[in-house]
């Protein structure tokens, strides 16, 4: 019974959910960055992956969440690269 209580404590841990929120924020940050600087960046940087790499690299300046920001930016970069090279599968429908 003690193991279940420990598992619940881990699931209900605020620190874990805070890390998840930072990863999700870092996943969406490249899109925000791209929208903010789109008029100021030369056309050479038109690939979404570049913005994901910028967020992951910039996350290293964060003393508290550098690992989580790198994960979120890296996931975004991998997601956009897979999309550009047609490696992502498309969901056609849900349910029966």
C-alpha atoms as a PDB file:
ATOM      1  CA  UNK A   1       0.000   0.000   0.000  1.00  0.00           C
ATOM      2  CA  UNK A   2       2.891   2.359   0.693  1.00  0.00           C
ATOM      3  CA  UNK A   3       4.081   2.026  -2.912  1.00  0.00           C
ATOM      4  CA  UNK A   4       0.731   3.289  -4.215  1.00  0.00           C
ATOM      5  CA  UNK A   5       0.872   6.286  -1.889  1.00  0.00           C
ATOM      6  CA  UNK A   6       4.376   7.118  -3.109  1.00  0.00           C
ATOM      7  CA  UNK A   7       3.248   6.775  -6.740  1.00  0.00           C
ATOM      8  CA  UNK A   8       0.335   9.136  -6.092  1.00  0.00           C
ATOM      9  CA  UNK A   9       2.648  11.619  -4.378  1.00  0.00           C
ATOM     10  CA  UNK A  10       4.905  11.548  -7.436  1.00  0.00           C
ATOM     11  CA  UNK A  11       1.926  12.054  -9.790  1.00  0.00           C
ATOM     12  CA  UNK A  12       0.571  14.906  -7.712  1.00  0.00           C
ATOM     13  CA  UNK A  13       3.981  16.543  -7.400  1.00  0.00           C
ATOM     14  CA  UNK A  14       3.786  20.203  -8.374  1.00  0.00           C
ATOM     15  CA  UNK A  15       7.423  20.202  -9.487  1.00  0.00           C
ATOM     16  CA  UNK A  16       6.748  17.532 -12.100  1.00  0.00           C
ATOM     17  CA  UNK A  17       3.770  19.432 -13.554  1.00  0.00           C
ATOM     18  CA  UNK A  18       5.794  22.638 -13.523  1.00  0.00           C
ATOM     19  CA  UNK A  19       8.462  20.908 -15.639  1.00  0.00           C
ATOM     20  CA  UNK A  20       5.800  19.629 -18.050  1.00  0.00           C
ATOM     21  CA  UNK A  21       4.409  23.167 -18.391  1.00  0.00           C
ATOM     22  CA  UNK A  22       7.884  24.519 -19.182  1.00  0.00           C
ATOM     23  CA  UNK A  23       8.437  21.815 -21.837  1.00  0.00           C
ATOM     24  CA  UNK A  24       5.069  22.637 -23.444  1.00  0.00           C
ATOM     25  CA  UNK A  25       5.813  26.369 -23.342  1.00  0.00           C
ATOM     26  CA  UNK A  26       9.196  25.754 -24.961  1.00  0.00           C
ATOM     27  CA  UNK A  27       7.500  23.601 -27.618  1.00  0.00           C
ATOM     28  CA  UNK A  28       5.231  26.522 -28.586  1.00  0.00           C
ATOM     29  CA  UNK A  29       7.885  29.232 -28.138  1.00  0.00           C
ATOM     30  CA  UNK A  30       9.475  28.782 -31.618  1.00  0.00           C
ATOM     31  CA  UNK A  31       6.148  29.607 -33.289  1.00  0.00           C
ATOM     32  CA  UNK A  32       5.808  32.722 -31.144  1.00  0.00           C
ATOM     33  CA  UNK A  33       9.420  33.675 -31.908  1.00  0.00           C
ATOM     34  CA  UNK A  34       8.887  33.176 -35.635  1.00  0.00           C
ATOM     35  CA  UNK A  35       5.787  35.393 -35.581  1.00  0.00           C
ATOM     36  CA  UNK A  36       7.551  38.107 -33.593  1.00  0.00           C
ATOM     37  CA  UNK A  37      10.664  38.376 -35.760  1.00  0.00           C
ATOM     38  CA  UNK A  38       9.303  37.395 -39.185  1.00  0.00           C
ATOM     39  CA  UNK A  39       9.628  40.926 -40.550  1.00  0.00           C
ATOM     40  CA  UNK A  40      13.155  41.410 -39.269  1.00  0.00           C
ATOM     41  CA  UNK A  41      14.887  38.151 -40.227  1.00  0.00           C
ATOM     42  CA  UNK A  42      16.288  37.668 -43.739  1.00  0.00           C
ATOM     43  CA  UNK A  43      14.638  35.093 -45.992  1.00  0.00           C
ATOM     44  CA  UNK A  44      17.637  32.825 -45.480  1.00  0.00           C
ATOM     45  CA  UNK A  45      16.084  31.766 -42.167  1.00  0.00           C
ATOM     46  CA  UNK A  46      12.731  30.513 -43.377  1.00  0.00           C
ATOM     47  CA  UNK A  47      12.778  27.008 -41.937  1.00  0.00           C
ATOM     48  CA  UNK A  48      10.766  26.486 -38.716  1.00  0.00           C
ATOM     49  CA  UNK A  49      13.515  24.179 -37.464  1.00  0.00           C
ATOM     50  CA  UNK A  50      15.836  27.173 -37.104  1.00  0.00           C
ATOM     51  CA  UNK A  51      13.469  28.772 -34.600  1.00  0.00           C
ATOM     52  CA  UNK A  52      13.298  25.547 -32.581  1.00  0.00           C
ATOM     53  CA  UNK A  53      17.080  25.407 -32.479  1.00  0.00           C
ATOM     54  CA  UNK A  54      17.182  29.069 -31.406  1.00  0.00           C
ATOM     55  CA  UNK A  55      14.802  28.368 -28.521  1.00  0.00           C
ATOM     56  CA  UNK A  56      16.764  25.265 -27.446  1.00  0.00           C
ATOM     57  CA  UNK A  57      20.041  27.211 -27.601  1.00  0.00           C
ATOM     58  CA  UNK A  58      18.567  30.223 -25.818  1.00  0.00           C
ATOM     59  CA  UNK A  59      17.242  27.947 -23.120  1.00  0.00           C
ATOM     60  CA  UNK A  60      20.806  27.314 -22.031  1.00  0.00           C
ATOM     61  CA  UNK A  61      20.777  30.834 -20.589  1.00  0.00           C
ATOM     62  CA  UNK A  62      17.990  29.884 -18.186  1.00  0.00           C
ATOM     63  CA  UNK A  63      19.536  28.916 -14.858  1.00  0.00           C
ATOM     64  CA  UNK A  64      16.493  26.988 -13.664  1.00  0.00           C
ATOM     65  CA  UNK A  65      14.911  25.286 -16.694  1.00  0.00           C
ATOM     66  CA  UNK A  66      17.640  24.908 -19.306  1.00  0.00           C
ATOM     67  CA  UNK A  67      17.081  21.133 -19.600  1.00  0.00           C
ATOM     68  CA  UNK A  68      13.295  21.427 -19.999  1.00  0.00           C
ATOM     69  CA  UNK A  69      13.558  24.272 -22.530  1.00  0.00           C
ATOM     70  CA  UNK A  70      16.059  22.244 -24.546  1.00  0.00           C
ATOM     71  CA  UNK A  71      13.646  19.309 -24.569  1.00  0.00           C
ATOM     72  CA  UNK A  72      10.712  21.475 -25.724  1.00  0.00           C
ATOM     73  CA  UNK A  73      12.745  23.255 -28.417  1.00  0.00           C
ATOM     74  CA  UNK A  74      14.249  19.948 -29.538  1.00  0.00           C
ATOM     75  CA  UNK A  75      10.826  18.300 -29.805  1.00  0.00           C
ATOM     76  CA  UNK A  76       9.587  21.241 -31.879  1.00  0.00           C
ATOM     77  CA  UNK A  77      12.640  21.026 -34.157  1.00  0.00           C
ATOM     78  CA  UNK A  78      12.215  17.277 -34.656  1.00  0.00           C
ATOM     79  CA  UNK A  79       8.470  17.694 -35.251  1.00  0.00           C
ATOM     80  CA  UNK A  80       8.953  20.385 -37.916  1.00  0.00           C
ATOM     81  CA  UNK A  81      11.766  18.457 -39.624  1.00  0.00           C
ATOM     82  CA  UNK A  82       9.598  15.336 -39.772  1.00  0.00           C
ATOM     83  CA  UNK A  83       6.766  17.417 -41.196  1.00  0.00           C
ATOM     84  CA  UNK A  84       8.978  19.010 -43.857  1.00  0.00           C
ATOM     85  CA  UNK A  85      10.431  15.665 -44.966  1.00  0.00           C
ATOM     86  CA  UNK A  86       6.969  14.006 -44.988  1.00  0.00           C
ATOM     87  CA  UNK A  87       7.902  11.588 -42.215  1.00  0.00           C
ATOM     88  CA  UNK A  88       4.851  12.326 -40.091  1.00  0.00           C
ATOM     89  CA  UNK A  89       1.796  10.160 -40.500  1.00  0.00           C
ATOM     90  CA  UNK A  90      -1.550  11.848 -40.958  1.00  0.00           C
ATOM     91  CA  UNK A  91      -4.523  11.037 -38.757  1.00  0.00           C
ATOM     92  CA  UNK A  92      -7.439  10.224 -41.051  1.00  0.00           C
ATOM     93  CA  UNK A  93     -10.123   9.624 -38.475  1.00  0.00           C
ATOM     94  CA  UNK A  94     -10.871   8.869 -34.871  1.00  0.00           C
ATOM     95  CA  UNK A  95     -13.133   6.174 -33.538  1.00  0.00           C
ATOM     96  CA  UNK A  96     -14.801   3.196 -35.103  1.00  0.00           C
END
